[in-house]
Amino acid sequence: MENQTMQKIKEWLELRTYTLQDFIAAKKTTPDQIQEGSKKYKLENLIQIDEPATLSAHVYFYSSGKFALMNIYGKGLAQLSAADILSFYGKPEAKERSRAGKTANYEVYANEGFAFSCTHRDHEVHFIDLFPAMPAQEYLDLIYLPPGPFIR
């Protein structure tokens, strides 16, 4: 039986199948939530939709309308367990530096189409990125942008 964390991840992964028009219709997106010419990580010229009410997320589409990336943060992560994700999916395909800080890892499951940031010790989830499934090296080359130096 799936727990709450895995049910949420599964629901979010389904959103990757939406086109821009599908997403706007399904989420009743208003024009003030849409921003063109956005950038996220290495991806540029994206259409960004801010979805704070139901997802606490920024959703990005290519100008063609194809899904590019979703970044889920804040209250959207309430009651999620990094330990459950790690237990269910096993060892990540890549473990990178996280934008969340020096005490966090960015766990990449590119073949599953998601990555997430969590602290080393207590596995608190900081954010989750969803993207089309691809080999890990392709994700690292095309999307992931390492954080700059952390300054105290």
C-alpha atoms as a PDB file:
ATOM      1  CA  MET A   1       0.000   0.000   0.000  1.00  0.00           C
ATOM      2  CA  GLU A   2       1.336   3.433  -0.926  1.00  0.00           C
ATOM      3  CA  ASN A   3       1.850   5.991   1.810  1.00  0.00           C
ATOM      4  CA  GLN A   4       0.884   9.671   1.624  1.00  0.00           C
ATOM      5  CA  THR A   5       4.280  10.785   0.292  1.00  0.00           C
ATOM      6  CA  MET A   6       4.264   8.337  -2.586  1.00  0.00           C
ATOM      7  CA  GLN A   7       0.630   9.113  -3.453  1.00  0.00           C
ATOM      8  CA  LYS A   8       1.518  12.823  -3.708  1.00  0.00           C
ATOM      9  CA  ILE A   9       4.566  12.129  -5.882  1.00  0.00           C
ATOM     10  CA  LYS A  10       2.460   9.931  -8.183  1.00  0.00           C
ATOM     11  CA  GLU A  11      -0.209  12.658  -8.523  1.00  0.00           C
ATOM     12  CA  TRP A  12       2.422  15.272  -9.336  1.00  0.00           C
ATOM     13  CA  LEU A  13       4.172  13.064 -11.875  1.00  0.00           C
ATOM     14  CA  GLU A  14       0.865  12.780 -13.762  1.00  0.00           C
ATOM     15  CA  LEU A  15       0.925  16.555 -14.305  1.00  0.00           C
ATOM     16  CA  ARG A  16       3.925  16.087 -16.628  1.00  0.00           C
ATOM     17  CA  THR A  17       1.511  14.744 -19.253  1.00  0.00           C
ATOM     18  CA  TYR A  18      -0.344  18.085 -19.437  1.00  0.00           C
ATOM     19  CA  THR A  19       0.221  20.556 -22.228  1.00  0.00           C
ATOM     20  CA  LEU A  20       0.138  24.251 -21.426  1.00  0.00           C
ATOM     21  CA  GLN A  21      -3.497  24.470 -22.554  1.00  0.00           C
ATOM     22  CA  ASP A  22      -4.475  21.356 -20.560  1.00  0.00           C
ATOM     23  CA  PHE A  23      -2.873  22.776 -17.432  1.00  0.00           C
ATOM     24  CA  ILE A  24      -4.494  26.201 -17.810  1.00  0.00           C
ATOM     25  CA  ALA A  25      -7.914  24.583 -18.240  1.00  0.00           C
ATOM     26  CA  ALA A  26      -7.508  22.028 -15.435  1.00  0.00           C
ATOM     27  CA  LYS A  27      -6.148  24.488 -12.870  1.00  0.00           C
ATOM     28  CA  LYS A  28      -8.320  27.423 -14.004  1.00  0.00           C
ATOM     29  CA  THR A  29      -5.191  29.511 -14.411  1.00  0.00           C
ATOM     30  CA  THR A  30      -5.724  33.255 -14.741  1.00  0.00           C
ATOM     31  CA  PRO A  31      -3.638  35.511 -17.027  1.00  0.00           C
ATOM     32  CA  ASP A  32      -1.906  37.153 -14.033  1.00  0.00           C
ATOM     33  CA  GLN A  33      -0.408  33.744 -13.133  1.00  0.00           C
ATOM     34  CA  ILE A  34       1.338  33.394 -16.520  1.00  0.00           C
ATOM     35  CA  GLN A  35       4.734  34.876 -17.328  1.00  0.00           C
ATOM     36  CA  GLU A  36       6.486  34.457 -20.673  1.00  0.00           C
ATOM     37  CA  GLY A  37      10.246  34.558 -21.235  1.00  0.00           C
ATOM     38  CA  SER A  38      11.082  32.845 -17.960  1.00  0.00           C
ATOM     39  CA  LYS A  39      14.202  30.890 -17.094  1.00  0.00           C
ATOM     40  CA  LYS A  40      14.694  27.966 -14.717  1.00  0.00           C
ATOM     41  CA  TYR A  41      18.078  26.335 -14.226  1.00  0.00           C
ATOM     42  CA  LYS A  42      19.575  25.901 -17.726  1.00  0.00           C
ATOM     43  CA  LEU A  43      16.200  26.178 -19.480  1.00  0.00           C
ATOM     44  CA  GLU A  44      15.327  29.505 -21.119  1.00  0.00           C
ATOM     45  CA  ASN A  45      12.413  31.162 -22.934  1.00  0.00           C
ATOM     46  CA  LEU A  46       9.847  29.257 -20.915  1.00  0.00           C
ATOM     47  CA  ILE A  47       6.257  30.050 -20.067  1.00  0.00           C
ATOM     48  CA  GLN A  48       5.944  30.081 -16.283  1.00  0.00           C
ATOM     49  CA  ILE A  49       2.727  29.530 -14.383  1.00  0.00           C
ATOM     50  CA  ASP A  50       2.639  30.340 -10.683  1.00  0.00           C
ATOM     51  CA  GLU A  51       0.302  27.930  -8.946  1.00  0.00           C
ATOM     52  CA  PRO A  52       0.418  28.895  -5.265  1.00  0.00           C
ATOM     53  CA  ALA A  53      -3.119  27.959  -4.272  1.00  0.00           C
ATOM     54  CA  THR A  54      -3.288  24.251  -5.003  1.00  0.00           C
ATOM     55  CA  LEU A  55       0.318  23.202  -5.563  1.00  0.00           C
ATOM     56  CA  SER A  56       2.735  25.796  -4.173  1.00  0.00           C
ATOM     57  CA  ALA A  57       4.574  25.405  -7.443  1.00  0.00           C
ATOM     58  CA  HIS A  58       6.058  27.102 -10.444  1.00  0.00           C
ATOM     59  CA  VAL A  59       5.215  25.174 -13.599  1.00  0.00           C
ATOM     60  CA  TYR A  60       7.219  25.723 -16.778  1.00  0.00           C
ATOM     61  CA  PHE A  61       6.288  24.954 -20.374  1.00  0.00           C
ATOM     62  CA  TYR A  62       8.198  25.369 -23.613  1.00  0.00           C
ATOM     63  CA  SER A  63       6.722  27.883 -26.078  1.00  0.00           C
ATOM     64  CA  SER A  64       5.397  24.871 -28.021  1.00  0.00           C
ATOM     65  CA  GLY A  65       3.136  24.126 -25.034  1.00  0.00           C
ATOM     66  CA  LYS A  66       5.045  21.004 -24.006  1.00  0.00           C
ATOM     67  CA  PHE A  67       5.735  20.473 -20.283  1.00  0.00           C
ATOM     68  CA  ALA A  68       9.286  21.409 -19.253  1.00  0.00           C
ATOM     69  CA  LEU A  69       9.585  21.449 -15.443  1.00  0.00           C
ATOM     70  CA  MET A  70       7.648  21.858 -12.227  1.00  0.00           C
ATOM     71  CA  ASN A  71       9.231  23.187  -9.032  1.00  0.00           C
ATOM     72  CA  ILE A  72       7.187  22.393  -5.906  1.00  0.00           C
ATOM     73  CA  TYR A  73       8.057  24.208  -2.693  1.00  0.00           C
ATOM     74  CA  GLY A  74       6.693  25.454   0.629  1.00  0.00           C
ATOM     75  CA  LYS A  75       3.303  24.270   1.828  1.00  0.00           C
ATOM     76  CA  GLY A  76       3.071  21.890  -1.123  1.00  0.00           C
ATOM     77  CA  LEU A  77       5.653  19.741   0.650  1.00  0.00           C
ATOM     78  CA  ALA A  78       3.859  19.561   3.988  1.00  0.00           C
ATOM     79  CA  GLN A  79       4.070  16.093   5.528  1.00  0.00           C
ATOM     80  CA  LEU A  80       6.301  14.665   2.783  1.00  0.00           C
ATOM     81  CA  SER A  81       9.014  12.298   3.886  1.00  0.00           C
ATOM     82  CA  ALA A  82      12.389  12.153   2.145  1.00  0.00           C
ATOM     83  CA  ALA A  83      12.976   8.859   3.937  1.00  0.00           C
ATOM     84  CA  ASP A  84       9.861   7.424   2.242  1.00  0.00           C
ATOM     85  CA  ILE A  85      11.049   8.607  -1.179  1.00  0.00           C
ATOM     86  CA  LEU A  86      14.536   7.204  -0.658  1.00  0.00           C
ATOM     87  CA  SER A  87      13.114   3.934   0.657  1.00  0.00           C
ATOM     88  CA  PHE A  88      10.687   3.545  -2.259  1.00  0.00           C
ATOM     89  CA  TYR A  89      13.046   4.529  -5.090  1.00  0.00           C
ATOM     90  CA  GLY A  90      16.353   3.393  -3.589  1.00  0.00           C
ATOM     91  CA  LYS A  91      19.702   4.977  -4.291  1.00  0.00           C
ATOM     92  CA  PRO A  92      19.461   8.089  -6.488  1.00  0.00           C
ATOM     93  CA  GLU A  93      20.989   8.014  -9.958  1.00  0.00           C
ATOM     94  CA  ALA A  94      22.936  11.150  -9.056  1.00  0.00           C
ATOM     95  CA  LYS A  95      23.509  13.125  -5.874  1.00  0.00           C
ATOM     96  CA  GLU A  96      24.368  16.772  -6.488  1.00  0.00           C
ATOM     97  CA  ARG A  97      24.758  20.000  -4.565  1.00  0.00           C
ATOM     98  CA  SER A  98      21.473  21.636  -3.623  1.00  0.00           C
ATOM     99  CA  ARG A  99      20.466  25.266  -3.874  1.00  0.00           C
ATOM    100  CA  ALA A 100      18.953  24.826  -0.391  1.00  0.00           C
ATOM    101  CA  GLY A 101      22.388  25.101   1.239  1.00  0.00           C
ATOM    102  CA  LYS A 102      25.537  23.287   2.270  1.00  0.00           C
ATOM    103  CA  THR A 103      23.679  20.834   4.505  1.00  0.00           C
ATOM    104  CA  ALA A 104      21.416  19.624   1.694  1.00  0.00           C
ATOM    105  CA  ASN A 105      21.706  17.137  -1.152  1.00  0.00           C
ATOM    106  CA  TYR A 106      19.879  17.190  -4.469  1.00  0.00           C
ATOM    107  CA  GLU A 107      18.770  13.587  -5.062  1.00  0.00           C
ATOM    108  CA  VAL A 108      18.219  12.920  -8.788  1.00  0.00           C
ATOM    109  CA  TYR A 109      15.945  10.170 -10.144  1.00  0.00           C
ATOM    110  CA  ALA A 110      16.086  11.290 -13.770  1.00  0.00           C
ATOM    111  CA  ASN A 111      14.743   8.035 -15.224  1.00  0.00           C
ATOM    112  CA  GLU A 112      11.653   8.567 -13.051  1.00  0.00           C
ATOM    113  CA  GLY A 113      11.458  12.267 -13.967  1.00  0.00           C
ATOM    114  CA  PHE A 114      12.052  13.938 -10.627  1.00  0.00           C
ATOM    115  CA  ALA A 115      14.655  15.199  -8.201  1.00  0.00           C
ATOM    116  CA  PHE A 116      14.410  16.646  -4.729  1.00  0.00           C
ATOM    117  CA  SER A 117      16.450  18.517  -2.180  1.00  0.00           C
ATOM    118  CA  CYS A 118      16.697  17.341   1.411  1.00  0.00           C
ATOM    119  CA  THR A 119      18.924  17.910   4.408  1.00  0.00           C
ATOM    120  CA  HIS A 120      21.660  15.401   5.171  1.00  0.00           C
ATOM    121  CA  ARG A 121      20.600  14.626   8.740  1.00  0.00           C
ATOM    122  CA  ASP A 122      16.838  14.782   9.151  1.00  0.00           C
ATOM    123  CA  HIS A 123      15.896  14.423   5.463  1.00  0.00           C
ATOM    124  CA  GLU A 124      13.626  17.471   5.502  1.00  0.00           C
ATOM    125  CA  VAL A 125      12.367  18.032   1.939  1.00  0.00           C
ATOM    126  CA  HIS A 126      13.118  21.571   0.669  1.00  0.00           C
ATOM    127  CA  PHE A 127      11.765  21.347  -2.871  1.00  0.00           C
ATOM    128  CA  ILE A 128      10.931  18.857  -5.611  1.00  0.00           C
ATOM    129  CA  ASP A 129      11.563  19.240  -9.332  1.00  0.00           C
ATOM    130  CA  LEU A 130       9.528  17.252 -11.859  1.00  0.00           C
ATOM    131  CA  PHE A 131      10.604  16.954 -15.492  1.00  0.00           C
ATOM    132  CA  PRO A 132      10.231  14.558 -18.426  1.00  0.00           C
ATOM    133  CA  ALA A 133      11.970  11.270 -17.664  1.00  0.00           C
ATOM    134  CA  MET A 134      15.453  11.033 -19.190  1.00  0.00           C
ATOM    135  CA  PRO A 135      18.872   9.513 -18.464  1.00  0.00           C
ATOM    136  CA  ALA A 136      20.646  11.114 -15.496  1.00  0.00           C
ATOM    137  CA  GLN A 137      23.528  12.485 -17.554  1.00  0.00           C
ATOM    138  CA  GLU A 138      21.092  14.120 -19.967  1.00  0.00           C
ATOM    139  CA  TYR A 139      19.313  15.795 -17.043  1.00  0.00           C
ATOM    140  CA  LEU A 140      22.607  17.021 -15.612  1.00  0.00           C
ATOM    141  CA  ASP A 141      23.712  18.346 -19.007  1.00  0.00           C
ATOM    142  CA  LEU A 142      20.425  19.965 -20.085  1.00  0.00           C
ATOM    143  CA  ILE A 143      18.600  21.090 -16.942  1.00  0.00           C
ATOM    144  CA  TYR A 144      20.540  20.945 -13.646  1.00  0.00           C
ATOM    145  CA  LEU A 145      22.407  24.099 -12.755  1.00  0.00           C
ATOM    146  CA  PRO A 146      24.827  23.741  -9.835  1.00  0.00           C
ATOM    147  CA  PRO A 147      24.445  26.420  -7.179  1.00  0.00           C
ATOM    148  CA  GLY A 148      27.121  29.023  -6.894  1.00  0.00           C
ATOM    149  CA  PRO A 149      29.320  29.312  -3.813  1.00  0.00           C
ATOM    150  CA  PHE A 150      27.514  29.629  -0.504  1.00  0.00           C
ATOM    151  CA  ILE A 151      28.476  32.792   1.344  1.00  0.00           C
ATOM    152  CA  ARG A 152      28.239  33.097   5.120  1.00  0.00           C
END
